[in-house]
Amino acid sequence: MKWHARIYVSLKPTVNDPQGLAIQGGLHQLGFNAVTRVRMGKFLEVDLDAPDAAAAREAAESMCRGLLANPVVEQFQVDVEVAAG
């Protein structure tokens, strides 16, 4: 069966985020002064074959642990659904 995984990778809350701080500063310069915090992350979409949702989720999480996320400074979240089409 075909599955669609949405993977969100972000820095752990205790890790400094210089990109987020730079973006926040830029937004303030553009007049968006209500912005109080920005955290930068990655969003990936992966289509894969797996027998069921649990296997698809485990495969996507394994991808994160092996390549897509740095476990020292990053955390990840995986959402899996049946692929369209």
PDB file of N, CA and C in Angstrom:
ATOM      1  N   MET A   1       0.849  -1.177   0.000  1.00  0.00           N
ATOM      2  CA  MET A   1       0.000   0.000   0.000  1.00  0.00           C
ATOM      3  C   MET A   1       0.893   1.237   0.000  1.00  0.00           C
ATOM      4  N   LYS A   2       0.433   2.297  -0.657  1.00  0.00           N
ATOM      5  CA  LYS A   2       1.194   3.546  -0.723  1.00  0.00           C
ATOM      6  C   LYS A   2       0.799   4.467   0.430  1.00  0.00           C
ATOM      7  N   TRP A   3       1.831   5.055   1.057  1.00  0.00           N
ATOM      8  CA  TRP A   3       1.638   5.955   2.194  1.00  0.00           C
ATOM      9  C   TRP A   3       2.346   7.273   1.936  1.00  0.00           C
ATOM     10  N   HIS A   4       1.829   8.314   2.555  1.00  0.00           N
ATOM     11  CA  HIS A   4       2.409   9.657   2.453  1.00  0.00           C
ATOM     12  C   HIS A   4       2.793  10.090   3.870  1.00  0.00           C
ATOM     13  N   ALA A   5       4.078  10.345   4.067  1.00  0.00           N
ATOM     14  CA  ALA A   5       4.561  10.782   5.384  1.00  0.00           C
ATOM     15  C   ALA A   5       4.923  12.255   5.331  1.00  0.00           C
ATOM     16  N   ARG A   6       4.453  12.990   6.311  1.00  0.00           N
ATOM     17  CA  ARG A   6       4.856  14.389   6.498  1.00  0.00           C
ATOM     18  C   ARG A   6       5.784  14.404   7.708  1.00  0.00           C
ATOM     19  N   ILE A   7       6.979  14.912   7.490  1.00  0.00           N
ATOM     20  CA  ILE A   7       8.006  14.877   8.529  1.00  0.00           C
ATOM     21  C   ILE A   7       8.390  16.300   8.894  1.00  0.00           C
ATOM     22  N   TYR A   8       8.293  16.613  10.168  1.00  0.00           N
ATOM     23  CA  TYR A   8       8.656  17.927  10.689  1.00  0.00           C
ATOM     24  C   TYR A   8       9.902  17.760  11.554  1.00  0.00           C
ATOM     25  N   VAL A   9      10.973  18.456  11.197  1.00  0.00           N
ATOM     26  CA  VAL A   9      12.221  18.401  11.960  1.00  0.00           C
ATOM     27  C   VAL A   9      12.475  19.794  12.517  1.00  0.00           C
ATOM     28  N   SER A  10      12.714  19.885  13.812  1.00  0.00           N
ATOM     29  CA  SER A  10      12.973  21.188  14.434  1.00  0.00           C
ATOM     30  C   SER A  10      14.061  21.044  15.487  1.00  0.00           C
ATOM     31  N   LEU A  11      14.666  22.168  15.819  1.00  0.00           N
ATOM     32  CA  LEU A  11      15.663  22.160  16.876  1.00  0.00           C
ATOM     33  C   LEU A  11      14.986  21.866  18.210  1.00  0.00           C
ATOM     34  N   LYS A  12      15.685  21.175  19.081  1.00  0.00           N
ATOM     35  CA  LYS A  12      15.166  20.951  20.427  1.00  0.00           C
ATOM     36  C   LYS A  12      14.997  22.303  21.117  1.00  0.00           C
ATOM     37  N   PRO A  13      14.027  22.429  22.005  1.00  0.00           N
ATOM     38  CA  PRO A  13      13.757  23.722  22.655  1.00  0.00           C
ATOM     39  C   PRO A  13      14.961  24.321  23.376  1.00  0.00           C
ATOM     40  N   THR A  14      15.876  23.488  23.829  1.00  0.00           N
ATOM     41  CA  THR A  14      17.040  23.990  24.574  1.00  0.00           C
ATOM     42  C   THR A  14      18.182  24.442  23.670  1.00  0.00           C
ATOM     43  N   VAL A  15      18.045  24.260  22.350  1.00  0.00           N
ATOM     44  CA  VAL A  15      19.109  24.607  21.404  1.00  0.00           C
ATOM     45  C   VAL A  15      18.870  26.009  20.854  1.00  0.00           C
ATOM     46  N   ASN A  16      19.917  26.834  20.871  1.00  0.00           N
ATOM     47  CA  ASN A  16      19.845  28.177  20.309  1.00  0.00           C
ATOM     48  C   ASN A  16      19.549  28.089  18.811  1.00  0.00           C
ATOM     49  N   ASP A  17      18.733  29.001  18.297  1.00  0.00           N
ATOM     50  CA  ASP A  17      18.332  28.993  16.892  1.00  0.00           C
ATOM     51  C   ASP A  17      18.724  30.315  16.231  1.00  0.00           C
ATOM     52  N   PRO A  18      19.961  30.445  15.733  1.00  0.00           N
ATOM     53  CA  PRO A  18      20.386  31.707  15.131  1.00  0.00           C
ATOM     54  C   PRO A  18      19.587  32.076  13.886  1.00  0.00           C
ATOM     55  N   GLN A  19      19.157  31.089  13.089  1.00  0.00           N
ATOM     56  CA  GLN A  19      18.336  31.399  11.921  1.00  0.00           C
ATOM     57  C   GLN A  19      16.994  31.985  12.346  1.00  0.00           C
ATOM     58  N   GLY A  20      16.395  31.395  13.359  1.00  0.00           N
ATOM     59  CA  GLY A  20      15.125  31.914  13.861  1.00  0.00           C
ATOM     60  C   GLY A  20      15.262  33.331  14.375  1.00  0.00           C
ATOM     61  N   LEU A  21      16.365  33.607  15.085  1.00  0.00           N
ATOM     62  CA  LEU A  21      16.601  34.964  15.590  1.00  0.00           C
ATOM     63  C   LEU A  21      16.789  35.955  14.447  1.00  0.00           C
ATOM     64  N   ALA A  22      17.511  35.543  13.393  1.00  0.00           N
ATOM     65  CA  ALA A  22      17.715  36.423  12.238  1.00  0.00           C
ATOM     66  C   ALA A  22      16.392  36.705  11.528  1.00  0.00           C
ATOM     67  N   ILE A  23      15.563  35.677  11.377  1.00  0.00           N
ATOM     68  CA  ILE A  23      14.255  35.867  10.749  1.00  0.00           C
ATOM     69  C   ILE A  23      13.391  36.787  11.595  1.00  0.00           C
ATOM     70  N   GLN A  24      13.405  36.583  12.901  1.00  0.00           N
ATOM     71  CA  GLN A  24      12.631  37.446  13.794  1.00  0.00           C
ATOM     72  C   GLN A  24      13.081  38.896  13.648  1.00  0.00           C
ATOM     73  N   GLY A  25      14.394  39.133  13.597  1.00  0.00           N
ATOM     74  CA  GLY A  25      14.898  40.491  13.418  1.00  0.00           C
ATOM     75  C   GLY A  25      14.447  41.090  12.097  1.00  0.00           C
ATOM     76  N   GLY A  26      14.479  40.286  11.035  1.00  0.00           N
ATOM     77  CA  GLY A  26      14.018  40.761   9.733  1.00  0.00           C
ATOM     78  C   GLY A  26      12.542  41.098   9.734  1.00  0.00           C
ATOM     79  N   LEU A  27      11.748  40.273  10.385  1.00  0.00           N
ATOM     80  CA  LEU A  27      10.316  40.554  10.477  1.00  0.00           C
ATOM     81  C   LEU A  27      10.060  41.843  11.245  1.00  0.00           C
ATOM     82  N   HIS A  28      10.824  42.075  12.302  1.00  0.00           N
ATOM     83  CA  HIS A  28      10.681  43.327  13.056  1.00  0.00           C
ATOM     84  C   HIS A  28      11.037  44.517  12.175  1.00  0.00           C
ATOM     85  N   GLN A  29      12.086  44.385  11.359  1.00  0.00           N
ATOM     86  CA  GLN A  29      12.472  45.475  10.459  1.00  0.00           C
ATOM     87  C   GLN A  29      11.384  45.761   9.431  1.00  0.00           C
ATOM     88  N   LEU A  30      10.611  44.747   9.088  1.00  0.00           N
ATOM     89  CA  LEU A  30       9.511  44.928   8.140  1.00  0.00           C
ATOM     90  C   LEU A  30       8.236  45.419   8.815  1.00  0.00           C
ATOM     91  N   GLY A  31       8.295  45.633  10.111  1.00  0.00           N
ATOM     92  CA  GLY A  31       7.145  46.172  10.826  1.00  0.00           C
ATOM     93  C   GLY A  31       6.284  45.140  11.526  1.00  0.00           C
ATOM     94  N   PHE A  32       6.681  43.877  11.501  1.00  0.00           N
ATOM     95  CA  PHE A  32       5.913  42.834  12.178  1.00  0.00           C
ATOM     96  C   PHE A  32       6.392  42.721  13.623  1.00  0.00           C
ATOM     97  N   ASN A  33       6.149  43.761  14.384  1.00  0.00           N
ATOM     98  CA  ASN A  33       6.668  43.845  15.748  1.00  0.00           C
ATOM     99  C   ASN A  33       5.925  42.965  16.750  1.00  0.00           C
ATOM    100  N   ALA A  34       4.796  42.415  16.363  1.00  0.00           N
ATOM    101  CA  ALA A  34       4.053  41.526  17.253  1.00  0.00           C
ATOM    102  C   ALA A  34       4.704  40.140  17.336  1.00  0.00           C
ATOM    103  N   VAL A  35       5.636  39.845  16.437  1.00  0.00           N
ATOM    104  CA  VAL A  35       6.317  38.543  16.448  1.00  0.00           C
ATOM    105  C   VAL A  35       7.245  38.489  17.655  1.00  0.00           C
ATOM    106  N   THR A  36       7.055  37.493  18.509  1.00  0.00           N
ATOM    107  CA  THR A  36       7.865  37.389  19.724  1.00  0.00           C
ATOM    108  C   THR A  36       8.856  36.230  19.685  1.00  0.00           C
ATOM    109  N   ARG A  37       8.683  35.302  18.725  1.00  0.00           N
ATOM    110  CA  ARG A  37       9.602  34.164  18.661  1.00  0.00           C
ATOM    111  C   ARG A  37       9.484  33.489  17.300  1.00  0.00           C
ATOM    112  N   VAL A  38      10.619  33.103  16.738  1.00  0.00           N
ATOM    113  CA  VAL A  38      10.651  32.333  15.492  1.00  0.00           C
ATOM    114  C   VAL A  38      11.622  31.175  15.686  1.00  0.00           C
ATOM    115  N   ARG A  39      11.197  29.979  15.314  1.00  0.00           N
ATOM    116  CA  ARG A  39      12.071  28.801  15.320  1.00  0.00           C
ATOM    117  C   ARG A  39      12.094  28.249  13.894  1.00  0.00           C
ATOM    118  N   MET A  40      13.266  28.022  13.376  1.00  0.00           N
ATOM    119  CA  MET A  40      13.437  27.512  12.021  1.00  0.00           C
ATOM    120  C   MET A  40      13.466  25.990  12.057  1.00  0.00           C
ATOM    121  N   GLY A  41      12.882  25.362  11.051  1.00  0.00           N
ATOM    122  CA  GLY A  41      12.882  23.908  10.975  1.00  0.00           C
ATOM    123  C   GLY A  41      12.830  23.437   9.534  1.00  0.00           C
ATOM    124  N   LYS A  42      12.621  22.135   9.357  1.00  0.00           N
ATOM    125  CA  LYS A  42      12.522  21.530   8.032  1.00  0.00           C
ATOM    126  C   LYS A  42      11.206  20.770   7.940  1.00  0.00           C
ATOM    127  N   PHE A  43      10.640  20.765   6.738  1.00  0.00           N
ATOM    128  CA  PHE A  43       9.432  20.000   6.462  1.00  0.00           C
ATOM    129  C   PHE A  43       9.713  19.131   5.248  1.00  0.00           C
ATOM    130  N   LEU A  44       9.495  17.837   5.371  1.00  0.00           N
ATOM    131  CA  LEU A  44       9.724  16.911   4.275  1.00  0.00           C
ATOM    132  C   LEU A  44       8.470  16.092   4.025  1.00  0.00           C
ATOM    133  N   GLU A  45       8.231  15.749   2.766  1.00  0.00           N
ATOM    134  CA  GLU A  45       7.155  14.842   2.399  1.00  0.00           C
ATOM    135  C   GLU A  45       7.785  13.637   1.714  1.00  0.00           C
ATOM    136  N   VAL A  46       7.422  12.452   2.172  1.00  0.00           N
ATOM    137  CA  VAL A  46       7.990  11.219   1.640  1.00  0.00           C
ATOM    138  C   VAL A  46       6.849  10.265   1.311  1.00  0.00           C
ATOM    139  N   ASP A  47       6.821   9.773   0.082  1.00  0.00           N
ATOM    140  CA  ASP A  47       5.871   8.730  -0.298  1.00  0.00           C
ATOM    141  C   ASP A  47       6.598   7.392  -0.248  1.00  0.00           C
ATOM    142  N   LEU A  48       5.952   6.391   0.323  1.00  0.00           N
ATOM    143  CA  LEU A  48       6.605   5.095   0.466  1.00  0.00           C
ATOM    144  C   LEU A  48       5.590   3.970   0.443  1.00  0.00           C
ATOM    145  N   ASP A  49       6.078   2.776   0.152  1.00  0.00           N
ATOM    146  CA  ASP A  49       5.260   1.572   0.198  1.00  0.00           C
ATOM    147  C   ASP A  49       5.467   0.884   1.543  1.00  0.00           C
ATOM    148  N   ALA A  50       4.374   0.465   2.147  1.00  0.00           N
ATOM    149  CA  ALA A  50       4.437  -0.265   3.415  1.00  0.00           C
ATOM    150  C   ALA A  50       3.131  -1.040   3.567  1.00  0.00           C
ATOM    151  N   PRO A  51       3.155  -2.142   4.314  1.00  0.00           N
ATOM    152  CA  PRO A  51       1.936  -2.949   4.454  1.00  0.00           C
ATOM    153  C   PRO A  51       0.828  -2.279   5.269  1.00  0.00           C
ATOM    154  N   ASP A  52       1.209  -1.382   6.206  1.00  0.00           N
ATOM    155  CA  ASP A  52       0.201  -0.710   7.033  1.00  0.00           C
ATOM    156  C   ASP A  52       0.775   0.602   7.577  1.00  0.00           C
ATOM    157  N   ALA A  53      -0.075   1.368   8.252  1.00  0.00           N
ATOM    158  CA  ALA A  53       0.329   2.689   8.757  1.00  0.00           C
ATOM    159  C   ALA A  53       1.459   2.582   9.772  1.00  0.00           C
ATOM    160  N   ALA A  54       1.418   1.577  10.626  1.00  0.00           N
ATOM    161  CA  ALA A  54       2.465   1.426  11.643  1.00  0.00           C
ATOM    162  C   ALA A  54       3.823   1.182  10.995  1.00  0.00           C
ATOM    163  N   ALA A  55       3.861   0.364   9.964  1.00  0.00           N
ATOM    164  CA  ALA A  55       5.120   0.092   9.268  1.00  0.00           C
ATOM    165  C   ALA A  55       5.608   1.333   8.526  1.00  0.00           C
ATOM    166  N   ALA A  56       4.685   2.088   7.936  1.00  0.00           N
ATOM    167  CA  ALA A  56       5.064   3.323   7.247  1.00  0.00           C
ATOM    168  C   ALA A  56       5.639   4.330   8.238  1.00  0.00           C
ATOM    169  N   ARG A  57       5.005   4.461   9.396  1.00  0.00           N
ATOM    170  CA  ARG A  57       5.490   5.383  10.428  1.00  0.00           C
ATOM    171  C   ARG A  57       6.870   4.956  10.923  1.00  0.00           C
ATOM    172  N   GLU A  58       7.046   3.675  11.176  1.00  0.00           N
ATOM    173  CA  GLU A  58       8.341   3.185  11.658  1.00  0.00           C
ATOM    174  C   GLU A  58       9.432   3.424  10.618  1.00  0.00           C
ATOM    175  N   ALA A  59       9.115   3.219   9.348  1.00  0.00           N
ATOM    176  CA  ALA A  59      10.098   3.471   8.292  1.00  0.00           C
ATOM    177  C   ALA A  59      10.476   4.948   8.252  1.00  0.00           C
ATOM    178  N   ALA A  60       9.487   5.829   8.327  1.00  0.00           N
ATOM    179  CA  ALA A  60       9.759   7.270   8.303  1.00  0.00           C
ATOM    180  C   ALA A  60      10.563   7.693   9.533  1.00  0.00           C
ATOM    181  N   GLU A  61      10.231   7.150  10.691  1.00  0.00           N
ATOM    182  CA  GLU A  61      10.987   7.476  11.906  1.00  0.00           C
ATOM    183  C   GLU A  61      12.420   6.962  11.815  1.00  0.00           C
ATOM    184  N   SER A  62      12.601   5.807  11.207  1.00  0.00           N
ATOM    185  CA  SER A  62      13.945   5.266  11.004  1.00  0.00           C
ATOM    186  C   SER A  62      14.748   6.171  10.072  1.00  0.00           C
ATOM    187  N   MET A  63      14.096   6.701   9.036  1.00  0.00           N
ATOM    188  CA  MET A  63      14.755   7.661   8.137  1.00  0.00           C
ATOM    189  C   MET A  63      15.224   8.884   8.918  1.00  0.00           C
ATOM    190  N   CYS A  64      14.389   9.351   9.822  1.00  0.00           N
ATOM    191  CA  CYS A  64      14.745  10.519  10.639  1.00  0.00           C
ATOM    192  C   CYS A  64      15.937  10.213  11.536  1.00  0.00           C
ATOM    193  N   ARG A  65      15.895   9.081  12.200  1.00  0.00           N
ATOM    194  CA  ARG A  65      16.991   8.706  13.097  1.00  0.00           C
ATOM    195  C   ARG A  65      18.289   8.478  12.333  1.00  0.00           C
ATOM    196  N   GLY A  66      18.197   7.991  11.087  1.00  0.00           N
ATOM    197  CA  GLY A  66      19.386   7.648  10.324  1.00  0.00           C
ATOM    198  C   GLY A  66      19.970   8.761   9.489  1.00  0.00           C
ATOM    199  N   LEU A  67      19.130   9.725   9.037  1.00  0.00           N
ATOM    200  CA  LEU A  67      19.620  10.736   8.106  1.00  0.00           C
ATOM    201  C   LEU A  67      18.964  12.109   8.240  1.00  0.00           C
ATOM    202  N   LEU A  68      17.657  12.147   8.372  1.00  0.00           N
ATOM    203  CA  LEU A  68      16.929  13.409   8.230  1.00  0.00           C
ATOM    204  C   LEU A  68      17.027  14.337   9.430  1.00  0.00           C
ATOM    205  N   ALA A  69      17.305  13.807  10.608  1.00  0.00           N
ATOM    206  CA  ALA A  69      17.398  14.634  11.815  1.00  0.00           C
ATOM    207  C   ALA A  69      18.681  14.300  12.567  1.00  0.00           C
ATOM    208  N   ASN A  70      19.260  15.313  13.171  1.00  0.00           N
ATOM    209  CA  ASN A  70      20.433  15.127  14.027  1.00  0.00           C
ATOM    210  C   ASN A  70      19.916  14.954  15.455  1.00  0.00           C
ATOM    211  N   PRO A  71      19.970  13.751  16.010  1.00  0.00           N
ATOM    212  CA  PRO A  71      19.358  13.505  17.317  1.00  0.00           C
ATOM    213  C   PRO A  71      19.988  14.286  18.468  1.00  0.00           C
ATOM    214  N   VAL A  72      21.168  14.827  18.262  1.00  0.00           N
ATOM    215  CA  VAL A  72      21.818  15.604  19.318  1.00  0.00           C
ATOM    216  C   VAL A  72      21.114  16.942  19.513  1.00  0.00           C
ATOM    217  N   VAL A  73      20.711  17.585  18.407  1.00  0.00           N
ATOM    218  CA  VAL A  73      20.144  18.936  18.506  1.00  0.00           C
ATOM    219  C   VAL A  73      18.739  19.058  17.932  1.00  0.00           C
ATOM    220  N   GLU A  74      18.233  18.019  17.258  1.00  0.00           N
ATOM    221  CA  GLU A  74      16.930  18.124  16.603  1.00  0.00           C
ATOM    222  C   GLU A  74      15.955  17.073  17.123  1.00  0.00           C
ATOM    223  N   GLN A  75      14.680  17.407  16.984  1.00  0.00           N
ATOM    224  CA  GLN A  75      13.587  16.485  17.274  1.00  0.00           C
ATOM    225  C   GLN A  75      12.744  16.382  16.011  1.00  0.00           C
ATOM    226  N   PHE A  76      11.907  15.356  15.925  1.00  0.00           N
ATOM    227  CA  PHE A  76      11.076  15.208  14.731  1.00  0.00           C
ATOM    228  C   PHE A  76       9.699  14.689  15.095  1.00  0.00           C
ATOM    229  N   GLN A  77       8.775  14.951  14.185  1.00  0.00           N
ATOM    230  CA  GLN A  77       7.402  14.455  14.300  1.00  0.00           C
ATOM    231  C   GLN A  77       7.022  13.882  12.942  1.00  0.00           C
ATOM    232  N   VAL A  78       6.354  12.751  12.931  1.00  0.00           N
ATOM    233  CA  VAL A  78       5.954  12.096  11.692  1.00  0.00           C
ATOM    234  C   VAL A  78       4.441  11.924  11.683  1.00  0.00           C
ATOM    235  N   ASP A  79       3.801  12.361  10.604  1.00  0.00           N
ATOM    236  CA  ASP A  79       2.382  12.111  10.373  1.00  0.00           C
ATOM    237  C   ASP A  79       2.275  11.254   9.117  1.00  0.00           C
ATOM    238  N   VAL A  80       1.472  10.199   9.163  1.00  0.00           N
ATOM    239  CA  VAL A  80       1.345   9.271   8.039  1.00  0.00           C
ATOM    240  C   VAL A  80      -0.121   9.159   7.647  1.00  0.00           C
ATOM    241  N   GLU A  81      -0.365   9.152   6.335  1.00  0.00           N
ATOM    242  CA  GLU A  81      -1.717   8.944   5.822  1.00  0.00           C
ATOM    243  C   GLU A  81      -1.628   8.163   4.517  1.00  0.00           C
ATOM    244  N   VAL A  82      -2.742   7.598   4.098  1.00  0.00           N
ATOM    245  CA  VAL A  82      -2.785   6.895   2.821  1.00  0.00           C
ATOM    246  C   VAL A  82      -2.502   7.908   1.719  1.00  0.00           C
ATOM    247  N   ALA A  83      -1.627   7.533   0.782  1.00  0.00           N
ATOM    248  CA  ALA A  83      -1.266   8.439  -0.312  1.00  0.00           C
ATOM    249  C   ALA A  83      -2.448   8.610  -1.255  1.00  0.00           C
ATOM    250  N   ALA A  84      -2.618   9.824  -1.744  1.00  0.00           N
ATOM    251  CA  ALA A  84      -3.687  10.113  -2.697  1.00  0.00           C
ATOM    252  C   ALA A  84      -3.349   9.488  -4.048  1.00  0.00           C
ATOM    253  N   GLY A  85      -4.377   9.066  -4.736  1.00  0.00           N
ATOM    254  CA  GLY A  85      -4.190   8.560  -6.088  1.00  0.00           C
ATOM    255  C   GLY A  85      -3.843   7.148  -6.079  1.00  0.00           C
TER     256      GLY A  85
END
